Protein backbone atom coordinates (compact mmCIF):
# COMPACT_ATOMS: atom_id res chain seq x y z
CA MET A 1 -17.13 142.58 159.50
CA LEU A 2 -17.86 146.16 160.49
CA THR A 3 -20.24 148.01 158.18
CA GLU A 4 -23.33 150.17 158.07
CA SER A 5 -24.49 148.44 154.86
CA ALA A 6 -26.89 145.55 155.24
CA ASP A 7 -26.57 144.81 151.53
CA LEU A 8 -22.78 144.46 151.70
CA ARG A 9 -23.05 142.29 154.79
CA ASP A 10 -25.54 139.99 153.04
CA ARG A 11 -23.29 139.65 149.97
CA ILE A 12 -20.35 138.69 152.14
CA ARG A 13 -22.49 136.22 154.08
CA SER A 14 -23.51 134.62 150.79
CA VAL A 15 -19.81 133.92 150.18
CA VAL A 16 -18.50 132.90 153.62
CA GLY A 17 -21.67 131.47 155.14
CA ASP A 18 -21.40 130.64 158.84
CA HIS A 19 -17.81 131.89 159.00
CA LEU A 20 -19.01 135.51 159.23
CA VAL A 21 -19.01 137.01 162.74
CA ASP A 22 -22.32 138.83 162.78
CA LEU A 23 -21.74 142.22 164.45
CA PRO A 24 -24.43 144.91 164.76
CA LEU A 25 -24.68 147.32 161.87
CA GLY A 26 -23.16 150.67 162.74
CA PRO A 27 -20.33 153.14 162.28
CA LEU A 28 -16.70 152.09 162.49
CA PRO A 29 -15.25 152.28 166.04
CA SER A 30 -12.11 154.40 166.27
CA ASP A 31 -10.35 152.10 168.74
CA PRO A 32 -8.84 148.82 167.41
CA ALA A 33 -9.09 147.26 170.88
CA ARG A 34 -12.83 147.85 170.82
CA VAL A 35 -13.08 146.09 167.48
CA LEU A 36 -11.34 143.03 168.89
CA ALA A 37 -13.51 143.17 172.03
CA MET A 38 -16.63 143.05 169.89
CA THR A 39 -15.47 139.74 168.39
CA GLN A 40 -14.62 137.91 171.61
CA GLY A 41 -15.76 134.31 171.42
CA ALA A 42 -14.93 134.19 167.73
CA GLN A 43 -11.16 133.94 168.17
CA PRO A 44 -8.84 133.36 166.50
CA LEU A 45 -9.92 135.69 163.73
CA SER A 46 -8.42 135.43 160.28
CA VAL A 47 -9.90 138.44 158.46
CA VAL A 48 -11.49 141.70 159.53
CA VAL A 49 -13.45 143.64 156.91
CA LEU A 50 -13.59 147.39 157.58
CA ASP A 51 -16.14 149.40 155.62
CA ALA A 52 -14.84 152.97 155.53
CA GLY A 53 -18.15 154.08 154.04
CA PRO A 54 -18.59 157.66 152.92
CA HIS A 55 -16.98 159.00 156.07
CA ASP A 56 -13.44 159.38 157.41
CA GLN A 57 -10.99 157.12 155.58
CA THR A 58 -8.28 158.14 158.05
CA THR A 59 -10.10 156.47 160.94
CA ALA A 60 -10.42 153.25 158.99
CA LEU A 61 -6.68 153.24 158.24
CA GLU A 62 -5.83 153.91 161.90
CA VAL A 63 -8.00 150.98 162.94
CA ALA A 64 -6.43 148.81 160.25
CA SER A 65 -2.94 149.70 161.45
CA GLY A 66 -3.88 148.78 165.00
CA LEU A 67 -5.41 145.47 163.97
CA ARG A 68 -2.51 144.43 161.74
CA THR A 69 -0.12 143.40 164.50
CA ASP A 70 2.30 140.50 164.57
CA ASP A 71 0.69 138.80 167.56
CA THR A 72 -2.79 138.54 166.01
CA GLY A 73 -1.82 137.79 162.41
CA ILE A 74 -5.15 139.24 161.26
CA SER A 75 -5.60 140.30 157.63
CA VAL A 76 -7.52 143.52 157.14
CA VAL A 77 -9.66 144.12 154.06
CA LEU A 78 -10.76 147.70 153.48
CA VAL A 79 -14.04 148.49 151.72
CA SER A 80 -13.70 151.77 149.84
CA ASP A 81 -15.04 153.41 146.70
CA ARG A 82 -11.83 155.48 146.41
CA PRO A 83 -9.08 152.87 146.02
CA GLU A 84 -6.85 155.14 143.94
CA GLU A 85 -6.77 157.75 146.71
CA VAL A 86 -6.14 155.43 149.64
CA GLY A 87 -4.15 152.68 147.92
CA PHE A 88 -0.64 153.41 149.17
CA ALA A 89 -1.76 154.69 152.57
CA ALA A 90 -3.75 151.48 152.99
CA MET A 91 -0.76 149.29 152.16
CA ARG A 92 1.40 151.17 154.65
CA ALA A 93 -1.31 150.69 157.27
CA GLY A 94 -1.10 146.95 156.65
CA VAL A 95 -4.32 146.55 154.68
CA CYS A 96 -4.26 143.26 152.80
CA ASP A 97 -6.63 144.34 150.03
CA ILE A 98 -9.16 146.98 149.00
CA VAL A 99 -12.56 146.05 147.63
CA HIS A 100 -15.28 148.26 146.19
CA PRO A 101 -18.56 148.38 148.16
CA ASP A 102 -20.44 147.29 145.02
CA ALA A 103 -18.19 144.27 144.38
CA ASP A 104 -20.02 141.12 143.34
CA PRO A 105 -19.79 137.87 145.33
CA GLY A 106 -17.13 136.50 142.98
CA GLU A 107 -14.76 139.39 143.66
CA LEU A 108 -15.54 139.34 147.39
CA GLY A 109 -14.86 135.61 147.56
CA TRP A 110 -11.51 135.96 145.86
CA VAL A 111 -10.38 138.85 148.08
CA LEU A 112 -11.49 137.20 151.31
CA GLU A 113 -9.88 133.87 150.52
CA ARG A 114 -6.61 135.55 149.60
CA ALA A 115 -6.71 137.53 152.85
CA ARG A 116 -7.47 134.37 154.82
CA ARG A 117 -4.50 132.52 153.30
CA SER A 118 -2.20 135.37 154.26
CA ALA A 119 -3.54 135.37 157.83
CA VAL A 120 -3.20 131.62 158.17
CA THR A 121 0.47 131.81 157.18
CA ARG A 122 1.20 134.49 159.79
CA GLN A 123 -0.87 132.83 162.49
CA ALA A 124 0.86 129.50 161.94
CA GLY A 125 4.16 131.24 162.60
CA ASN A 126 2.73 132.81 165.76
CA GLY A 127 1.31 129.55 167.08
CA VAL A 128 -2.29 130.61 166.41
CA GLY A 129 -4.48 127.94 164.93
CA PRO A 130 -5.54 128.58 161.33
CA GLY A 131 -9.15 129.13 160.53
CA SER A 132 -11.14 127.43 157.82
CA GLY A 133 -11.32 128.80 154.32
CA VAL A 134 -14.14 130.58 152.60
CA ASN A 135 -16.95 128.00 152.79
CA GLY A 136 -14.27 125.59 154.02
CA SER A 137 -12.46 125.73 150.69
CA GLN A 138 -8.95 126.33 149.44
CA THR A 139 -7.95 128.22 146.31
CA PRO A 140 -4.74 128.21 144.34
CA PRO A 141 -2.56 131.32 144.26
CA GLY A 142 -2.85 134.05 141.68
CA ARG A 143 -2.19 133.48 138.02
CA VAL A 144 1.41 133.93 136.82
CA ILE A 145 1.39 134.93 133.14
CA SER A 146 4.83 134.99 131.54
CA VAL A 147 5.53 136.72 128.23
CA ALA A 148 8.51 135.23 126.38
CA SER A 149 10.13 135.28 122.98
CA PRO A 150 13.07 133.53 121.29
CA LYS A 151 14.56 136.80 120.03
CA GLY A 152 14.62 140.45 120.97
CA GLY A 153 12.95 143.20 118.98
CA VAL A 154 9.66 141.35 118.42
CA GLY A 155 7.48 143.53 120.67
CA LYS A 156 7.52 141.28 123.72
CA THR A 157 7.70 144.12 126.25
CA THR A 158 4.97 146.02 124.40
CA VAL A 159 2.69 142.98 124.64
CA ALA A 160 3.57 142.43 128.31
CA THR A 161 2.94 146.03 129.37
CA ASN A 162 -0.35 146.29 127.48
CA LEU A 163 -1.53 142.95 128.86
CA ALA A 164 -0.73 144.09 132.41
CA VAL A 165 -2.35 147.50 131.94
CA GLY A 166 -5.44 145.88 130.43
CA LEU A 167 -5.81 143.47 133.35
CA ALA A 168 -5.25 146.25 135.88
CA ARG A 169 -7.92 148.42 134.29
CA SER A 170 -10.42 145.57 134.13
CA ASP A 171 -9.84 144.68 137.78
CA PRO A 172 -8.29 147.52 139.82
CA HIS A 173 -5.36 146.67 142.13
CA SER A 174 -5.38 143.07 140.93
CA THR A 175 -2.24 143.06 138.82
CA VAL A 176 1.52 143.36 139.25
CA LEU A 177 3.99 143.46 136.36
CA VAL A 178 7.50 142.13 137.01
CA ASP A 179 10.44 142.96 134.76
CA LEU A 180 12.61 139.85 134.83
CA ASP A 181 14.81 140.72 131.93
CA VAL A 182 17.29 141.19 134.74
CA GLN A 183 20.05 142.77 132.64
CA PHE A 184 18.33 144.89 130.01
CA GLY A 185 14.74 145.13 131.17
CA ASP A 186 12.86 148.16 129.86
CA VAL A 187 9.45 147.96 131.47
CA GLY A 188 10.03 151.19 133.40
CA SER A 189 10.72 153.08 130.19
CA ALA A 190 7.75 151.49 128.41
CA LEU A 191 5.48 152.76 131.20
CA ASN A 192 7.28 156.10 131.66
CA LEU A 193 8.14 155.27 135.28
CA ALA A 194 10.97 156.56 137.45
CA PRO A 195 10.99 153.87 140.16
CA GLU A 196 12.31 154.51 143.64
CA TYR A 197 12.88 150.77 144.10
CA THR A 198 13.83 148.09 141.57
CA LEU A 199 14.02 144.31 141.40
CA VAL A 200 17.25 144.28 143.44
CA ASP A 201 15.58 146.14 146.33
CA VAL A 202 12.53 143.88 146.21
CA VAL A 203 14.39 140.55 146.48
CA HIS A 204 16.79 141.67 149.22
CA GLY A 205 16.42 143.27 152.62
CA PRO A 206 13.13 143.85 154.46
CA ALA A 207 10.97 143.58 151.33
CA ALA A 208 12.04 139.94 150.95
CA GLN A 209 10.97 139.17 154.51
CA ASP A 210 7.60 140.87 154.87
CA THR A 211 4.74 141.02 152.39
CA MET A 212 3.52 144.38 153.64
CA VAL A 213 6.96 145.90 153.17
CA LEU A 214 7.17 144.32 149.72
CA LYS A 215 3.99 146.09 148.67
CA THR A 216 5.39 149.46 149.66
CA PHE A 217 8.41 148.76 147.44
CA LEU A 218 6.25 148.35 144.35
CA THR A 219 5.99 151.21 141.87
CA GLN A 220 2.42 152.25 141.15
CA HIS A 221 1.41 153.16 137.62
CA GLU A 222 -1.37 155.67 137.01
CA THR A 223 -3.67 152.91 135.72
CA GLY A 224 -3.60 151.14 139.11
CA LEU A 225 -1.01 148.62 137.94
CA TYR A 226 1.81 147.73 140.36
CA VAL A 227 5.26 147.26 138.87
CA VAL A 228 8.60 145.72 139.83
CA CYS A 229 11.03 147.47 137.50
CA GLY A 230 14.30 145.91 136.37
CA PRO A 231 17.69 146.78 137.89
CA GLY A 232 19.20 150.13 137.08
CA SER A 233 22.28 148.60 135.42
CA PRO A 234 23.25 145.17 134.02
CA ALA A 235 25.90 144.81 136.74
CA GLU A 236 23.22 144.74 139.44
CA ALA A 237 21.62 141.68 137.86
CA ASP A 238 24.33 139.46 139.35
CA SER A 239 22.83 139.97 142.81
CA VAL A 240 19.49 138.46 141.76
CA GLY A 241 19.54 134.69 142.28
CA MET A 242 17.22 132.01 140.95
CA GLU A 243 15.80 131.35 144.42
CA ASP A 244 15.11 135.08 144.74
CA ILE A 245 13.05 134.98 141.54
CA SER A 246 11.03 131.94 142.60
CA ARG A 247 10.32 133.36 146.04
CA LEU A 248 9.26 136.72 144.61
CA LEU A 249 6.82 135.22 142.11
CA GLN A 250 5.30 132.91 144.71
CA THR A 251 4.86 135.78 147.15
CA LEU A 252 3.29 138.07 144.58
CA ALA A 253 0.98 135.27 143.43
CA SER A 254 -0.32 135.00 146.98
CA GLU A 255 -1.20 138.69 147.00
CA PHE A 256 -2.34 139.51 143.45
CA ARG A 257 -4.80 137.90 141.08
CA TYR A 258 -2.50 138.42 138.08
CA VAL A 259 1.30 138.42 138.05
CA VAL A 260 2.51 139.35 134.55
CA VAL A 261 6.20 138.69 133.89
CA ASP A 262 8.25 140.21 131.09
CA THR A 263 11.18 137.82 130.53
CA ALA A 264 14.49 138.16 128.69
CA PRO A 265 14.66 136.93 125.08
CA GLY A 266 15.66 133.28 124.71
CA LEU A 267 15.87 130.63 127.40
CA THR A 268 18.21 132.11 129.97
CA GLU A 269 18.48 130.65 133.46
CA PRO A 270 16.27 133.40 134.95
CA THR A 271 13.68 132.80 132.22
CA LEU A 272 13.65 129.05 132.88
CA THR A 273 13.17 129.81 136.57
CA VAL A 274 10.23 132.04 135.70
CA LEU A 275 8.72 129.30 133.56
CA ASP A 276 9.00 126.88 136.46
CA ASN A 277 6.57 129.18 138.29
CA THR A 278 4.33 130.00 135.33
CA HIS A 279 0.68 129.10 134.82
CA ASP A 280 0.15 130.70 131.42
CA LEU A 281 2.78 131.32 128.76
CA VAL A 282 2.43 133.98 126.07
CA LEU A 283 4.93 133.36 123.26
CA VAL A 284 5.60 136.35 121.02
CA THR A 285 7.43 136.41 117.70
CA SER A 286 7.52 138.53 114.58
CA MET A 287 6.09 137.45 111.21
CA ASP A 288 9.38 136.83 109.44
CA VAL A 289 11.46 133.73 108.76
CA PRO A 290 14.08 134.24 111.52
CA GLY A 291 11.41 134.97 114.11
CA VAL A 292 9.24 131.99 113.16
CA ARG A 293 12.19 129.59 113.07
CA GLY A 294 13.31 130.83 116.47
CA LEU A 295 9.84 130.26 117.88
CA ARG A 296 9.79 126.71 116.50
CA LYS A 297 13.07 125.96 118.27
CA GLU A 298 11.82 127.45 121.53
CA ILE A 299 8.58 125.44 121.44
CA ASP A 300 10.53 122.26 120.67
CA ILE A 301 12.94 122.80 123.56
CA LEU A 302 10.15 123.66 126.01
CA ARG A 303 8.37 120.47 125.01
CA GLU A 304 11.53 118.42 125.51
CA LEU A 305 12.03 120.04 128.91
CA GLY A 306 8.56 118.96 129.98
CA MET A 307 7.23 122.52 129.87
CA VAL A 308 4.10 121.91 127.80
CA PHE A 309 1.62 124.58 128.92
CA SER A 310 -2.07 124.00 128.38
CA GLY A 311 -2.36 127.74 128.98
CA ARG A 312 -0.13 128.64 126.04
CA HIS A 313 -0.90 131.58 123.76
CA VAL A 314 1.07 132.17 120.56
CA VAL A 315 1.09 135.80 119.41
CA LEU A 316 2.36 136.72 115.95
CA ASN A 317 3.41 140.36 116.08
CA PHE A 318 4.00 142.78 113.19
CA ALA A 319 1.68 140.59 111.12
CA ASP A 320 1.67 141.42 107.43
CA THR A 321 0.30 138.96 104.90
CA GLN A 322 2.06 140.88 102.11
CA ASN A 323 5.53 139.78 103.25
CA GLY A 324 5.32 136.30 101.71
CA LEU A 325 4.24 134.40 104.85
CA THR A 326 0.75 133.36 105.85
CA LYS A 327 -0.70 132.19 109.14
CA THR A 328 -0.89 128.68 107.71
CA ASP A 329 2.81 128.78 106.85
CA VAL A 330 3.69 129.83 110.38
CA GLU A 331 1.53 127.16 112.01
CA ALA A 332 2.99 124.46 109.80
CA THR A 333 6.50 125.56 110.74
CA ILE A 334 6.05 125.80 114.51
CA GLY A 335 3.72 122.80 114.82
CA ALA A 336 1.22 124.79 116.88
CA SER A 337 -1.74 127.10 116.40
CA VAL A 338 -1.31 130.85 116.20
CA ASP A 339 -3.77 132.33 118.69
CA MET A 340 -3.45 135.98 117.73
CA MET A 341 -2.02 138.09 114.91
CA ILE A 342 -1.21 141.71 115.77
CA PRO A 343 -0.72 143.95 112.72
CA ARG A 344 1.98 146.53 112.21
CA SER A 345 1.02 149.97 113.45
CA LYS A 346 2.68 153.36 113.60
CA GLY A 347 0.53 154.11 116.63
CA ALA A 348 2.06 151.18 118.51
CA VAL A 349 5.56 152.48 117.83
CA ALA A 350 4.57 155.98 118.96
CA SER A 351 3.05 154.62 122.17
CA VAL A 352 6.32 152.89 123.05
CA ASN A 353 8.30 156.07 122.43
CA GLN A 354 5.88 158.07 124.59
CA GLY A 355 5.77 155.51 127.39
CA ILE A 356 1.97 155.30 127.18
CA PRO A 357 0.61 151.80 126.35
CA LEU A 358 -2.19 151.71 123.81
CA LEU A 359 -4.58 150.16 126.35
CA GLN A 360 -3.93 153.11 128.64
CA SER A 361 -4.53 155.83 126.07
CA ASP A 362 -7.58 154.17 124.47
CA LYS A 363 -6.52 155.56 121.11
CA ARG A 364 -8.25 154.14 118.07
CA ASP A 365 -5.70 151.83 116.53
CA PRO A 366 -5.97 148.44 114.81
CA VAL A 367 -3.60 146.98 117.41
CA THR A 368 -5.82 148.00 120.33
CA THR A 369 -8.59 145.56 119.42
CA HIS A 370 -6.18 142.62 119.32
CA LEU A 371 -4.56 143.59 122.63
CA ARG A 372 -7.99 143.75 124.28
CA GLN A 373 -8.72 140.29 122.95
CA LEU A 374 -5.49 139.05 124.51
CA VAL A 375 -6.51 140.55 127.86
CA GLY A 376 -9.88 138.84 127.52
CA ARG A 377 -8.18 135.45 127.43
CA PHE A 378 -7.22 135.86 131.09
CA THR A 379 -10.27 137.44 132.67
CA PRO A 380 -12.52 135.14 134.75
CA SER A 381 -15.24 134.89 132.11
CA SER A 382 -12.74 133.50 129.61
CA ALA A 383 -11.12 130.84 131.79
CA ARG A 384 -11.52 127.45 130.18
CA ALA A 385 -11.44 124.91 132.97
CA PRO A 386 -10.77 125.31 136.70
CA ARG A 387 -8.10 123.04 138.10
CA SER A 388 -9.13 123.63 141.70
CA THR A 389 -12.29 122.11 143.15
CA SER A 390 -12.70 124.96 145.65
CA ALA A 391 -15.86 127.04 145.67
CA VAL A 392 -14.03 130.24 144.90
CA GLY A 393 -11.95 128.56 142.21
CA LYS A 394 -15.08 127.28 140.50
CA LEU A 395 -16.75 130.64 140.87
CA LEU A 396 -13.94 132.45 139.14
CA GLY A 397 -13.31 129.70 136.60
CA ARG A 398 -9.56 129.82 137.13
CA PHE A 399 -7.19 127.11 136.06
CA ARG A 400 -3.56 126.10 136.07
CA PRO A 401 -1.93 123.91 133.41
CA THR A 402 -0.85 120.32 133.86
CA PRO A 403 2.58 120.20 132.21
CA THR A 404 3.39 116.53 132.65
CA THR A 405 2.08 115.06 129.40
CA ALA A 406 1.25 116.15 125.90
CA THR A 407 -1.65 114.49 124.12
CA ALA A 408 -1.41 114.22 120.36
CA GLY A 409 -3.82 116.47 118.58
CA THR A 410 -3.29 119.36 121.02
CA PRO A 411 -1.39 122.48 119.94
CA GLY A 412 2.29 121.75 119.74
CA SER A 413 1.89 117.96 119.50
CA PRO A 414 2.73 116.70 116.00
CA GLU A 415 2.49 113.05 117.03
CA ALA A 416 -0.19 110.71 115.74
CA PRO A 417 -3.74 111.33 117.03
CA GLY A 418 -4.67 109.43 120.18
CA GLN A 419 -1.08 108.80 121.17
CA GLN A 420 -0.03 110.12 124.60
CA VAL A 421 3.55 111.24 124.75
CA PRO A 422 5.42 110.97 128.08
CA GLN A 423 7.33 114.09 129.02
CA PRO A 424 10.39 114.42 131.24
CA THR A 425 9.97 116.30 134.49
CA ARG A 426 11.03 119.93 134.50
CA SER A 427 13.97 119.21 136.75
CA GLU A 428 15.15 116.41 134.44
CA GLY A 429 14.75 118.65 131.40
CA ARG A 430 16.61 121.52 133.01
CA HIS A 431 19.48 119.16 133.85
CA ARG A 432 19.64 118.02 130.22
CA LEU A 433 19.61 121.59 128.96
CA ASN A 434 22.44 122.58 131.30
CA LYS A 435 24.51 119.65 130.01
CA GLY A 436 23.77 120.58 126.39
CA GLU A 437 22.03 117.26 125.70
CA VAL A 438 18.70 118.50 124.35
CA ARG A 439 18.17 116.89 120.91
CA GLY A 440 21.68 115.41 121.19
CA GLU A 441 23.38 118.76 120.67
CA LYS A 442 26.47 119.98 122.51
CA ARG A 443 26.64 123.58 123.63
């Protein structure tokens, strides 16, 4: 690490311990070769932290560009209090991540471990031995949060865009939103974006081969959110394969803390591929009989396919208790708990038409409170149980679901209490769905 701040150095040492190469405090050298010379005896390096400080950001980016070469495989983390200004220039210089100088140890630990994993992957390909993790630990990739619905017109994209914007604002440069309604995706319109690159560009060509190139192909929203917009026309969707989708989500999860996915309505092949790579599932439906019945069918099929998510969140949109349905009615029908009810709102409709999500505008609206609560379900303080035993994983309280069994008494399990129900594997379930054998029905 190169910094003039003793406080920042001490915070990083509290996270990485003996894995920190202790260099003298001082200004940033302008020559990348000099930086490497200062660390001789500590090779191979995995991560170099450059503190741009209050001085010349350009020098820091030039050093980062020089350090980020194919033969070293080093990941560069830039410390800056102006991430919005240097974000794209930093990505083009090969910077792995940007962290604020006042970041707490939890944030520093996450960023450094993610940077180390990226370096280890490159160094393995270059024949350079991988280093140990932060405090010798390993952490799982970022959290893939998929937003799905059985039918269109229920506000799924509105929920997805607000969730992504809320996460991005709570943790700058942590979130990417992917539009995987590959034929009729409308995320770009919902965010008032005119993307230079779309999903087709991201999964083919140089962006599919190099993470740094991929980052430059992302569209940046004014809130700090990164976006992969859907194809420009339905015809282009044919060029996006299922392997392309899996590879893209896995790559983004290695680079971002949150990967929010807006899926197509129903259970299309791309949506099932997304769910195969999903940690948390947000199911959205409207508060009417067709919407609720559709949600029940979707939950039933997901259960039969072995896709029982412990991180499942049921959102009832356009909630109105005056329409003859109650929350109790809905829960009894779908066999699962409703986690959130979002009321009807003229402001929400106006925000969609304007391309400005409610959580971006901060307008006073009854929907805004509920959307913030949804965002709060995914921030570190709200995580329920970490799956990983790593130090960073415990620190952040992250978790991933175990989709192999459903225990009676949990949401979505109508079986008798105490009875454990075996579930088919996802691959077995997918095979049954493709043959039209789910619940004995022919397609």
